[in-house]
Amino acid sequence: MKYRLVLRILGLLSAIISLSMVFSLAWSVVDKTPDVQAFIWSMVTGLGVGVVLFFLGRRGSETYELNVREAFAVVSLGWITAAAVGALPFYYSGMVPSYTDAFFEAMSGFTTTGATILTEIESHHRGLLFWRSFTHWLGGMGIIVLSLAILPFVGVGGMQLFKAEVPGPTPEKLTPRIRKTALVLWGVYVIISAAETAALLLCGMDLFDSLTHTFGTMATGGFSPRNESIAAFGSPLIEWVIIVFMFIAGTNFVLHLLALRGRPRAYWRDEEFRFYLKFTFICIAAVTIFLSFAGRYGGFADTLRTSTFQVVSIMTTTGYTTANFELWPQALRFLMLMLMFAGGCAGSTGGSMKQVRLQILLKRVRMEINRLLHPQQVTRIRFNGAVVNPDVISSVTAFYILYMALFVGCSFIMIAMGMDLESGIASVAATLGNIGPGLGDVGPVENYAFIAAPGKWLLSFCMLLGRLELFSVIMLFVKGTWRQ
């Protein structure tokens, strides 16, 4: 393990986070609010930590290529560093009562979870609320991916870092050079974000709301500066715009790149996207029919819009709400809980298990059934016309087993800490899947403020696990990772 190299990159990440606070500081300066000082002190602290870590990791001018161990360590420790530094404005300003709450809120932001401990969101200044949402946008495409564009200038190669950070079973390298890959990914992210901001402005939102809700949508995060989330605007048009962009954010960004390059048919040719689209429509239809018979939202148009918004929001792990699905019939509440395990496509900003893993698991089940019926037949799993490597199948199976084991174990701990069964299970499902709102005491109109400090640290750990798809974090606890 090249400890100096890891420290150098962590120092760079701390500096990036600190400097990115300048945009939020600008809002505070314009509004002339007292949190200006909190941002200045946060930036000074973060830059100081970054300089110390960078120089501790400085060792000559030689160039290093990260190996697998360093990559996993940098990714996991990088997100912890981001949350630790990103929590400072919340803590220094007095926005939250303790550093535990500040860290929880920051980790929720950077991991695009959207779980909050704030009770009266609109009572806080715009600069702090902008930073809270901006952490989503930074974490959505990944601070690590952003830093890949800079790492070559500090003597660090980054392909292993890219593999460790980009979500999904098989990260796709879009261009021959990893630095250019990072810039391409961020370019697509910025273009789509700008399109949503413009659309929300045309719908009547002001610039602040348009930007903050774009950050939450494109990162599939869900933080809103409004107490009632998207429902506060009471606009069907705004809801449909956000539905469209939530679905886009849950789609593989490689497909968006191909579409921008004049190949829109790439969407339909992708097996995962077709599955994602069909699965979404089936769930929307089921919820719409159920709510129509229940007569919850009057006319069909309102019922369809409400059903579509909640299904797309939960499936893509965004977490925005326009209705309290905690009041829905038990069957639909159970469906919402199950959707928390679905997630968006691989290569998207969505969390949870991802559609491609669900597909491969279903194909694996079908293959085993066929093998029992036809013992002599040679069967293989195919995806997008190609035979799936057995190593990928093993990786997906291991991921599923580990995901469910962590879900059960962490749920048990939360319940042992005093939460009721439903709330304990939902809190872990919502944080491990990077969704935000759950059921029970952590439902769509509730928050996580009441949870004791140990529970908040555990759920913060769940957010990190979910954002980095388990293995990157688990590697920190393997003895071999830290050997020279």
Protein backbone atom coordinates (compact mmCIF):
# COMPACT_ATOMS: atom_id res chain seq x y z
CA MET A 1 0.00 0.00 0.00
CA LYS A 2 1.42 3.38 -1.03
CA TYR A 3 0.22 5.41 1.95
CA ARG A 4 1.80 8.64 0.75
CA LEU A 5 -0.02 8.39 -2.54
CA VAL A 6 -3.37 7.88 -0.78
CA LEU A 7 -2.74 10.89 1.47
CA ARG A 8 -1.83 13.06 -1.52
CA ILE A 9 -5.09 12.29 -3.30
CA LEU A 10 -7.15 12.78 -0.13
CA GLY A 11 -5.52 16.18 0.26
CA LEU A 12 -6.52 17.04 -3.29
CA LEU A 13 -10.11 15.97 -2.63
CA SER A 14 -10.28 18.06 0.55
CA ALA A 15 -9.13 21.09 -1.43
CA ILE A 16 -11.70 20.45 -4.19
CA ILE A 17 -14.53 20.28 -1.65
CA SER A 18 -13.34 23.43 0.12
CA LEU A 19 -13.01 25.46 -3.08
CA SER A 20 -16.43 24.31 -4.30
CA MET A 21 -18.00 26.12 -1.33
CA VAL A 22 -17.35 29.43 -3.10
CA PHE A 23 -20.66 29.18 -5.00
CA SER A 24 -22.63 28.79 -1.78
CA LEU A 25 -20.59 31.58 -0.20
CA ALA A 26 -21.72 33.81 -3.07
CA TRP A 27 -25.38 33.26 -2.16
CA SER A 28 -24.62 34.17 1.45
CA VAL A 29 -22.77 37.32 0.38
CA VAL A 30 -25.65 38.40 -1.89
CA ASP A 31 -28.20 37.75 0.88
CA LYS A 32 -25.89 39.33 3.52
CA THR A 33 -26.50 36.49 5.94
CA PRO A 34 -24.31 35.62 8.97
CA ASP A 35 -23.28 32.23 7.54
CA VAL A 36 -20.66 34.02 5.37
CA GLN A 37 -18.21 33.58 8.23
CA ALA A 38 -19.08 29.88 8.54
CA PHE A 39 -18.25 29.30 4.88
CA ILE A 40 -14.97 31.21 5.11
CA TRP A 41 -13.85 29.23 8.16
CA SER A 42 -14.95 25.98 6.49
CA MET A 43 -12.94 26.77 3.38
CA VAL A 44 -9.87 27.70 5.42
CA THR A 45 -10.15 24.52 7.50
CA GLY A 46 -10.69 22.30 4.48
CA LEU A 47 -7.84 23.85 2.51
CA GLY A 48 -5.58 23.57 5.57
CA VAL A 49 -6.37 19.88 5.91
CA GLY A 50 -5.84 19.43 2.18
CA VAL A 51 -2.42 21.13 2.22
CA VAL A 52 -1.27 19.06 5.21
CA LEU A 53 -2.40 15.77 3.62
CA PHE A 54 -0.89 16.68 0.26
CA PHE A 55 2.52 17.51 1.68
CA LEU A 56 2.50 14.46 3.95
CA GLY A 57 1.99 12.45 0.78
CA ARG A 58 4.61 14.28 -1.24
CA ARG A 59 7.52 12.11 -2.30
CA GLY A 60 9.66 13.28 -5.16
CA SER A 61 8.34 13.80 -8.67
CA GLU A 62 7.84 10.20 -9.75
CA THR A 63 4.54 9.14 -11.29
CA TYR A 64 2.47 6.40 -9.71
CA GLU A 65 -0.27 4.29 -11.20
CA LEU A 66 -2.83 3.35 -8.59
CA ASN A 67 -3.24 -0.36 -8.04
CA VAL A 68 -6.49 -1.96 -6.90
CA ARG A 69 -5.79 -1.57 -3.18
CA GLU A 70 -4.96 2.12 -3.38
CA ALA A 71 -7.97 2.75 -5.61
CA PHE A 72 -10.43 1.21 -3.17
CA ALA A 73 -8.80 3.00 -0.24
CA VAL A 74 -8.91 6.39 -2.00
CA VAL A 75 -12.54 6.00 -3.08
CA SER A 76 -13.82 4.99 0.35
CA LEU A 77 -11.67 7.37 2.39
CA GLY A 78 -12.32 10.07 -0.22
CA TRP A 79 -16.04 10.02 0.43
CA ILE A 80 -15.47 10.09 4.18
CA THR A 81 -13.13 13.06 3.70
CA ALA A 82 -15.72 14.81 1.54
CA ALA A 83 -18.42 14.36 4.18
CA ALA A 84 -16.10 15.42 7.01
CA VAL A 85 -15.11 18.65 5.23
CA GLY A 86 -18.55 19.21 3.70
CA ALA A 87 -20.13 19.05 7.17
CA LEU A 88 -18.19 22.09 8.39
CA PRO A 89 -20.57 24.83 7.09
CA PHE A 90 -23.52 23.10 8.77
CA TYR A 91 -21.60 22.81 12.03
CA TYR A 92 -19.86 26.21 12.10
CA SER A 93 -23.10 28.04 11.26
CA GLY A 94 -25.12 26.33 13.99
CA MET A 95 -27.53 24.97 11.38
CA VAL A 96 -27.42 21.62 13.21
CA PRO A 97 -26.94 20.94 16.93
CA SER A 98 -23.92 18.60 16.68
CA TYR A 99 -21.13 17.49 14.38
CA THR A 100 -22.80 14.07 14.20
CA ASP A 101 -25.85 15.70 12.62
CA ALA A 102 -23.64 17.79 10.33
CA PHE A 103 -21.72 14.71 9.17
CA PHE A 104 -24.98 12.78 8.63
CA GLU A 105 -26.39 15.61 6.50
CA ALA A 106 -23.16 15.95 4.49
CA MET A 107 -22.79 12.20 3.94
CA SER A 108 -26.43 12.09 2.87
CA GLY A 109 -25.69 14.88 0.42
CA PHE A 110 -22.51 13.53 -1.16
CA THR A 111 -23.83 9.97 -1.38
CA THR A 112 -27.02 11.37 -2.98
CA THR A 113 -29.19 9.74 -0.31
CA GLY A 114 -31.36 12.70 0.66
CA ALA A 115 -32.09 11.56 4.22
CA THR A 116 -32.19 14.65 6.42
CA ILE A 117 -32.19 15.60 10.08
CA LEU A 118 -33.61 19.09 9.38
CA THR A 119 -37.15 19.71 10.59
CA GLU A 120 -37.80 23.27 9.36
CA ILE A 121 -35.81 23.46 6.14
CA GLU A 122 -37.15 26.80 4.90
CA SER A 123 -36.03 28.58 8.07
CA HIS A 124 -32.36 28.29 7.03
CA HIS A 125 -30.42 30.71 4.84
CA ARG A 126 -30.10 30.16 1.09
CA GLY A 127 -26.32 29.83 1.14
CA LEU A 128 -26.47 26.81 3.46
CA LEU A 129 -29.39 25.27 1.56
CA PHE A 130 -27.52 25.77 -1.71
CA TRP A 131 -24.47 23.99 -0.30
CA ARG A 132 -26.70 21.19 0.98
CA SER A 133 -28.07 20.61 -2.53
CA PHE A 134 -24.73 21.24 -4.25
CA THR A 135 -23.21 18.31 -2.33
CA HIS A 136 -25.70 16.15 -4.24
CA TRP A 137 -24.55 17.44 -7.59
CA LEU A 138 -20.88 16.93 -6.75
CA GLY A 139 -21.48 13.44 -5.43
CA GLY A 140 -23.83 12.45 -8.24
CA MET A 141 -21.25 11.98 -10.97
CA GLY A 142 -18.56 11.52 -8.37
CA ILE A 143 -15.90 13.72 -6.88
CA ILE A 144 -13.44 10.98 -7.70
CA VAL A 145 -14.39 11.03 -11.39
CA LEU A 146 -14.00 14.81 -11.38
CA SER A 147 -10.58 14.55 -9.78
CA LEU A 148 -9.48 12.08 -12.48
CA ALA A 149 -9.19 15.07 -14.81
CA ILE A 150 -6.68 16.62 -12.36
CA LEU A 151 -4.75 13.58 -11.08
CA PRO A 152 -2.32 13.41 -14.05
CA PHE A 153 -1.01 16.86 -13.09
CA VAL A 154 -0.03 15.61 -9.62
CA GLY A 155 1.67 12.49 -10.89
CA VAL A 156 -1.09 9.95 -10.35
CA GLY A 157 -2.64 7.58 -12.87
CA GLY A 158 -6.31 6.84 -12.45
CA MET A 159 -7.74 3.85 -14.33
CA GLN A 160 -8.05 1.72 -11.21
CA LEU A 161 -9.67 4.66 -9.44
CA PHE A 162 -12.22 4.93 -12.24
CA LYS A 163 -13.02 1.21 -11.95
CA ALA A 164 -13.46 1.50 -8.20
CA GLU A 165 -15.71 4.57 -8.40
CA VAL A 166 -18.00 4.16 -11.42
CA PRO A 167 -21.12 2.23 -10.34
CA GLY A 168 -22.20 -1.01 -11.96
CA PRO A 169 -20.72 -4.47 -12.52
CA THR A 170 -18.61 -3.44 -15.55
CA PRO A 171 -17.59 0.25 -15.80
CA GLU A 172 -17.24 1.38 -19.38
CA LYS A 173 -14.22 3.37 -20.51
CA LEU A 174 -15.61 5.81 -23.04
CA THR A 175 -12.37 7.16 -24.48
CA PRO A 176 -8.78 5.88 -24.73
CA ARG A 177 -7.52 8.24 -21.99
CA ILE A 178 -8.98 8.16 -18.49
CA ARG A 179 -8.69 11.95 -18.02
CA LYS A 180 -10.72 12.52 -21.16
CA THR A 181 -13.24 9.93 -19.96
CA ALA A 182 -13.80 11.93 -16.77
CA LEU A 183 -14.28 15.15 -18.74
CA VAL A 184 -16.73 13.47 -21.14
CA LEU A 185 -18.82 12.11 -18.26
CA TRP A 186 -18.93 15.48 -16.56
CA GLY A 187 -19.68 17.20 -19.85
CA VAL A 188 -22.80 15.07 -20.39
CA TYR A 189 -23.79 15.64 -16.75
CA VAL A 190 -23.47 19.42 -17.08
CA ILE A 191 -25.39 19.56 -20.39
CA ILE A 192 -28.38 17.62 -19.03
CA SER A 193 -28.29 19.62 -15.77
CA ALA A 194 -28.39 22.87 -17.75
CA ALA A 195 -31.34 21.57 -19.75
CA GLU A 196 -33.32 20.79 -16.60
CA THR A 197 -32.51 24.14 -15.02
CA ALA A 198 -33.76 25.92 -18.14
CA ALA A 199 -36.93 23.79 -18.20
CA LEU A 200 -37.71 24.57 -14.54
CA LEU A 201 -37.12 28.28 -15.12
CA LEU A 202 -39.61 28.17 -17.99
CA CYS A 203 -42.10 26.45 -15.66
CA GLY A 204 -41.99 29.41 -13.27
CA MET A 205 -39.35 28.42 -10.70
CA ASP A 206 -36.86 31.09 -9.68
CA LEU A 207 -33.13 30.55 -10.27
CA PHE A 208 -32.38 29.32 -6.73
CA ASP A 209 -35.14 26.69 -6.75
CA SER A 210 -34.32 25.65 -10.32
CA LEU A 211 -30.67 25.05 -9.50
CA THR A 212 -31.19 23.27 -6.19
CA HIS A 213 -33.89 20.99 -7.57
CA THR A 214 -31.76 20.25 -10.63
CA PHE A 215 -28.92 19.24 -8.30
CA GLY A 216 -31.26 16.89 -6.45
CA THR A 217 -32.77 15.45 -9.63
CA MET A 218 -29.65 14.85 -11.72
CA ALA A 219 -27.82 13.32 -8.77
CA THR A 220 -30.93 11.30 -7.84
CA GLY A 221 -30.47 12.82 -4.39
CA GLY A 222 -33.73 14.44 -3.30
CA PHE A 223 -32.67 17.33 -1.07
CA SER A 224 -35.10 20.22 -1.51
CA PRO A 225 -34.99 23.70 0.08
CA ARG A 226 -38.75 23.37 0.61
CA ASN A 227 -40.39 21.65 3.60
CA GLU A 228 -42.96 19.98 1.33
CA SER A 229 -40.43 19.03 -1.35
CA ILE A 230 -41.84 19.27 -4.90
CA ALA A 231 -45.42 19.35 -3.57
CA ALA A 232 -44.73 22.90 -2.33
CA PHE A 233 -45.01 24.26 -5.88
CA GLY A 234 -48.41 22.73 -6.66
CA SER A 235 -47.53 22.63 -10.36
CA PRO A 236 -48.30 19.56 -12.52
CA LEU A 237 -45.96 20.90 -15.20
CA ILE A 238 -43.02 21.11 -12.78
CA GLU A 239 -43.77 17.59 -11.57
CA TRP A 240 -43.71 16.18 -15.13
CA VAL A 241 -40.43 17.95 -15.90
CA ILE A 242 -38.82 16.47 -12.80
CA ILE A 243 -40.27 13.03 -13.59
CA VAL A 244 -38.62 13.11 -17.02
CA PHE A 245 -35.24 14.18 -15.66
CA MET A 246 -35.36 11.70 -12.76
CA PHE A 247 -35.84 8.95 -15.34
CA ILE A 248 -33.00 10.37 -17.43
CA ALA A 249 -30.72 10.49 -14.37
CA GLY A 250 -31.52 6.84 -13.70
CA THR A 251 -30.37 5.88 -17.22
CA ASN A 252 -26.82 4.86 -18.14
CA PHE A 253 -24.95 8.04 -19.04
CA VAL A 254 -23.11 6.20 -21.81
CA LEU A 255 -26.46 6.03 -23.65
CA HIS A 256 -26.95 9.78 -23.20
CA LEU A 257 -23.51 10.37 -24.68
CA LEU A 258 -24.32 8.19 -27.69
CA ALA A 259 -27.62 10.02 -28.16
CA LEU A 260 -25.86 13.39 -28.04
CA ARG A 261 -23.50 12.06 -30.71
CA GLY A 262 -26.42 11.30 -33.01
CA ARG A 263 -27.17 7.70 -32.05
CA PRO A 264 -30.53 7.84 -30.19
CA ARG A 265 -31.33 4.23 -31.16
CA ALA A 266 -28.70 3.17 -28.63
CA TYR A 267 -31.36 3.46 -25.93
CA TRP A 268 -33.63 0.79 -27.36
CA ARG A 269 -30.73 -1.45 -28.37
CA ASP A 270 -29.61 -1.61 -24.75
CA GLU A 271 -31.18 -4.56 -22.95
CA GLU A 272 -30.90 -2.97 -19.51
CA PHE A 273 -32.65 0.22 -20.65
CA ARG A 274 -35.52 -1.79 -22.16
CA PHE A 275 -35.91 -3.70 -18.89
CA TYR A 276 -35.73 -0.44 -16.90
CA LEU A 277 -38.41 1.17 -19.09
CA LYS A 278 -40.78 -1.83 -18.96
CA PHE A 279 -40.32 -2.33 -15.23
CA THR A 280 -41.08 1.35 -14.59
CA PHE A 281 -44.24 1.29 -16.73
CA ILE A 282 -45.52 -1.89 -15.05
CA CYS A 283 -45.05 -0.41 -11.56
CA ILE A 284 -46.67 2.89 -12.58
CA ALA A 285 -49.65 1.01 -14.04
CA ALA A 286 -50.06 -1.10 -10.90
CA VAL A 287 -49.97 1.89 -8.55
CA THR A 288 -52.26 3.97 -10.79
CA ILE A 289 -54.88 1.23 -11.00
CA PHE A 290 -54.75 0.58 -7.26
CA LEU A 291 -55.06 4.29 -6.35
CA SER A 292 -57.82 4.80 -8.94
CA PHE A 293 -59.96 2.14 -7.29
CA ALA A 294 -59.14 3.61 -3.88
CA GLY A 295 -60.24 7.06 -5.12
CA ARG A 296 -57.30 8.78 -3.45
CA TYR A 297 -56.57 11.60 -5.90
CA GLY A 298 -59.80 12.33 -7.74
CA GLY A 299 -59.39 12.27 -11.51
CA PHE A 300 -57.29 9.88 -13.56
CA ALA A 301 -54.78 12.56 -14.63
CA ASP A 302 -53.93 13.47 -11.04
CA THR A 303 -53.72 9.82 -10.03
CA LEU A 304 -51.43 8.98 -12.95
CA ARG A 305 -49.14 11.92 -12.25
CA THR A 306 -48.93 11.16 -8.53
CA SER A 307 -48.29 7.47 -9.15
CA THR A 308 -45.66 8.15 -11.80
CA PHE A 309 -43.82 10.68 -9.66
CA GLN A 310 -43.58 8.43 -6.61
CA VAL A 311 -42.62 5.30 -8.56
CA VAL A 312 -39.91 7.02 -10.64
CA SER A 313 -38.60 8.90 -7.60
CA ILE A 314 -38.20 5.77 -5.47
CA MET A 315 -36.98 3.48 -8.26
CA THR A 316 -34.29 5.93 -9.37
CA THR A 317 -33.46 6.52 -5.67
CA THR A 318 -34.12 10.26 -6.00
CA GLY A 319 -36.45 10.55 -3.02
CA TYR A 320 -38.48 13.63 -4.00
CA THR A 321 -42.14 13.42 -2.99
CA THR A 322 -45.44 14.94 -3.99
CA ALA A 323 -47.60 12.63 -1.89
CA ASN A 324 -47.33 10.91 1.47
CA PHE A 325 -47.24 7.26 0.37
CA GLU A 326 -47.14 6.35 4.04
CA LEU A 327 -50.94 6.83 3.90
CA TRP A 328 -51.39 4.51 0.91
CA PRO A 329 -52.85 0.99 1.25
CA GLN A 330 -50.51 -1.59 2.78
CA ALA A 331 -49.92 -3.36 -0.55
CA LEU A 332 -48.64 -0.17 -2.17
CA ARG A 333 -46.46 0.67 0.82
CA PHE A 334 -44.91 -2.79 0.46
CA LEU A 335 -44.36 -2.13 -3.25
CA MET A 336 -42.58 1.15 -2.42
CA LEU A 337 -40.31 -0.77 -0.04
CA MET A 338 -39.51 -3.33 -2.75
CA LEU A 339 -38.74 -0.58 -5.27
CA MET A 340 -36.06 0.65 -2.89
CA PHE A 341 -34.03 -2.43 -3.86
CA ALA A 342 -34.34 -1.89 -7.62
CA GLY A 343 -32.39 1.28 -8.45
CA GLY A 344 -31.60 2.78 -11.83
CA CYS A 345 -29.29 1.54 -14.57
CA ALA A 346 -25.59 0.83 -14.17
CA GLY A 347 -23.60 3.91 -15.13
CA SER A 348 -26.36 6.22 -13.85
CA THR A 349 -26.35 8.41 -10.75
CA GLY A 350 -28.97 6.15 -9.16
CA GLY A 351 -28.21 3.94 -6.18
CA SER A 352 -29.43 0.59 -4.84
CA MET A 353 -28.84 -2.74 -6.64
CA LYS A 354 -29.18 -1.53 -10.26
CA GLN A 355 -31.40 -2.94 -13.01
CA VAL A 356 -28.62 -4.89 -14.73
CA ARG A 357 -27.95 -6.92 -11.59
CA LEU A 358 -31.63 -7.76 -11.26
CA GLN A 359 -31.64 -8.89 -14.89
CA ILE A 360 -28.59 -11.09 -14.48
CA LEU A 361 -30.02 -12.63 -11.31
CA LEU A 362 -33.31 -13.40 -13.09
CA LYS A 363 -31.42 -14.88 -16.04
CA ARG A 364 -29.40 -16.98 -13.60
CA VAL A 365 -32.60 -18.32 -12.01
CA ARG A 366 -34.05 -19.15 -15.46
CA MET A 367 -30.81 -20.86 -16.46
CA GLU A 368 -30.91 -23.08 -13.36
CA ILE A 369 -34.52 -24.03 -14.09
CA ASN A 370 -33.61 -24.93 -17.69
CA ARG A 371 -30.66 -26.95 -16.43
CA LEU A 372 -32.99 -29.01 -14.21
CA LEU A 373 -35.36 -29.61 -17.12
CA HIS A 374 -32.59 -30.33 -19.65
CA PRO A 375 -29.52 -31.66 -17.77
CA GLN A 376 -27.53 -32.29 -20.98
CA GLN A 377 -28.15 -28.87 -22.49
CA VAL A 378 -25.35 -26.31 -22.36
CA THR A 379 -26.83 -22.96 -21.33
CA ARG A 380 -25.19 -19.57 -21.00
CA ILE A 381 -26.41 -16.19 -19.89
CA ARG A 382 -26.43 -13.57 -22.63
CA PHE A 383 -26.73 -9.83 -22.23
CA ASN A 384 -26.97 -7.39 -25.14
CA GLY A 385 -26.26 -10.30 -27.47
CA ALA A 386 -22.98 -11.31 -25.81
CA VAL A 387 -22.23 -14.16 -23.41
CA VAL A 388 -21.83 -12.86 -19.87
CA ASN A 389 -18.46 -13.66 -18.33
CA PRO A 390 -18.84 -16.14 -15.42
CA ASP A 391 -16.79 -13.77 -13.26
CA VAL A 392 -19.45 -11.09 -13.74
CA ILE A 393 -22.19 -13.55 -12.76
CA SER A 394 -20.23 -14.51 -9.64
CA SER A 395 -19.69 -10.83 -8.81
CA VAL A 396 -23.41 -10.07 -9.15
CA THR A 397 -24.37 -13.06 -6.99
CA ALA A 398 -21.82 -12.08 -4.32
CA PHE A 399 -23.07 -8.48 -4.40
CA TYR A 400 -26.67 -9.59 -3.88
CA ILE A 401 -25.75 -11.88 -0.96
CA LEU A 402 -23.62 -9.20 0.70
CA TYR A 403 -26.26 -6.51 0.11
CA MET A 404 -28.99 -8.56 1.75
CA ALA A 405 -26.70 -9.64 4.60
CA LEU A 406 -25.81 -6.01 5.36
CA PHE A 407 -29.46 -5.00 5.07
CA VAL A 408 -30.55 -7.66 7.58
CA GLY A 409 -27.64 -7.02 9.96
CA CYS A 410 -27.98 -3.25 10.02
CA SER A 411 -31.78 -3.49 10.34
CA PHE A 412 -31.33 -5.73 13.37
CA ILE A 413 -28.99 -3.18 14.98
CA MET A 414 -31.38 -0.27 14.33
CA ILE A 415 -34.28 -2.23 15.82
CA ALA A 416 -32.10 -3.22 18.79
CA MET A 417 -31.45 0.49 19.36
CA GLY A 418 -35.17 1.01 19.94
CA MET A 419 -36.74 1.67 16.53
CA ASP A 420 -39.93 -0.16 15.66
CA LEU A 421 -39.74 -2.98 13.11
CA GLU A 422 -41.09 -1.06 10.12
CA SER A 423 -39.03 2.08 10.74
CA GLY A 424 -35.85 0.13 11.45
CA ILE A 425 -36.10 -1.89 8.25
CA ALA A 426 -37.10 1.12 6.16
CA SER A 427 -34.32 3.35 7.52
CA VAL A 428 -31.66 0.85 6.42
CA ALA A 429 -33.34 0.16 3.06
CA ALA A 430 -33.56 3.90 2.40
CA THR A 431 -29.96 4.69 3.36
CA LEU A 432 -28.29 1.57 1.96
CA GLY A 433 -30.14 2.20 -1.31
CA ASN A 434 -29.33 5.97 -1.21
CA ILE A 435 -33.04 6.84 -1.41
CA GLY A 436 -33.80 9.05 1.61
CA PRO A 437 -37.46 8.73 2.60
CA GLY A 438 -38.59 5.38 3.93
CA LEU A 439 -41.62 4.21 5.88
CA GLY A 440 -42.87 4.63 9.44
CA ASP A 441 -40.97 7.18 11.51
CA VAL A 442 -38.64 7.93 8.56
CA GLY A 443 -41.48 8.26 6.03
CA PRO A 444 -41.79 10.85 3.24
CA VAL A 445 -43.02 13.63 5.57
CA GLU A 446 -40.76 12.67 8.48
CA ASN A 447 -36.98 12.97 9.04
CA TYR A 448 -34.07 11.28 10.82
CA ALA A 449 -33.55 13.88 13.57
CA PHE A 450 -34.98 11.68 16.34
CA ILE A 451 -32.45 8.86 15.83
CA ALA A 452 -29.70 8.64 18.47
CA ALA A 453 -26.11 9.46 17.51
CA PRO A 454 -24.96 5.80 17.19
CA GLY A 455 -27.85 5.14 14.83
CA LYS A 456 -26.94 8.17 12.70
CA TRP A 457 -23.34 6.97 12.40
CA LEU A 458 -24.52 3.50 11.40
CA LEU A 459 -26.90 4.91 8.79
CA SER A 460 -24.12 7.19 7.52
CA PHE A 461 -22.04 4.05 7.06
CA CYS A 462 -24.96 2.48 5.17
CA MET A 463 -25.06 5.51 2.85
CA LEU A 464 -21.35 5.09 2.13
CA LEU A 465 -21.78 1.37 1.49
CA GLY A 466 -24.63 2.00 -0.92
CA ARG A 467 -22.92 4.83 -2.81
CA LEU A 468 -19.71 2.84 -3.35
CA GLU A 469 -21.51 -0.45 -4.03
CA LEU A 470 -20.30 -2.29 -0.92
CA PHE A 471 -16.98 -3.81 -1.95
CA SER A 472 -14.96 -0.58 -2.05
CA VAL A 473 -15.85 0.03 1.60
CA ILE A 474 -15.58 -3.60 2.74
CA MET A 475 -12.02 -3.65 1.38
CA LEU A 476 -11.06 -1.20 4.16
CA PHE A 477 -11.71 -3.94 6.71
CA VAL A 478 -9.63 -6.57 4.93
CA LYS A 479 -6.17 -6.95 6.44
CA GLY A 480 -4.49 -7.52 3.07
CA THR A 481 -5.56 -4.08 1.84
CA TRP A 482 -3.13 -2.33 4.17
CA ARG A 483 -0.09 -4.53 3.72
CA GLN A 484 2.95 -3.03 2.03
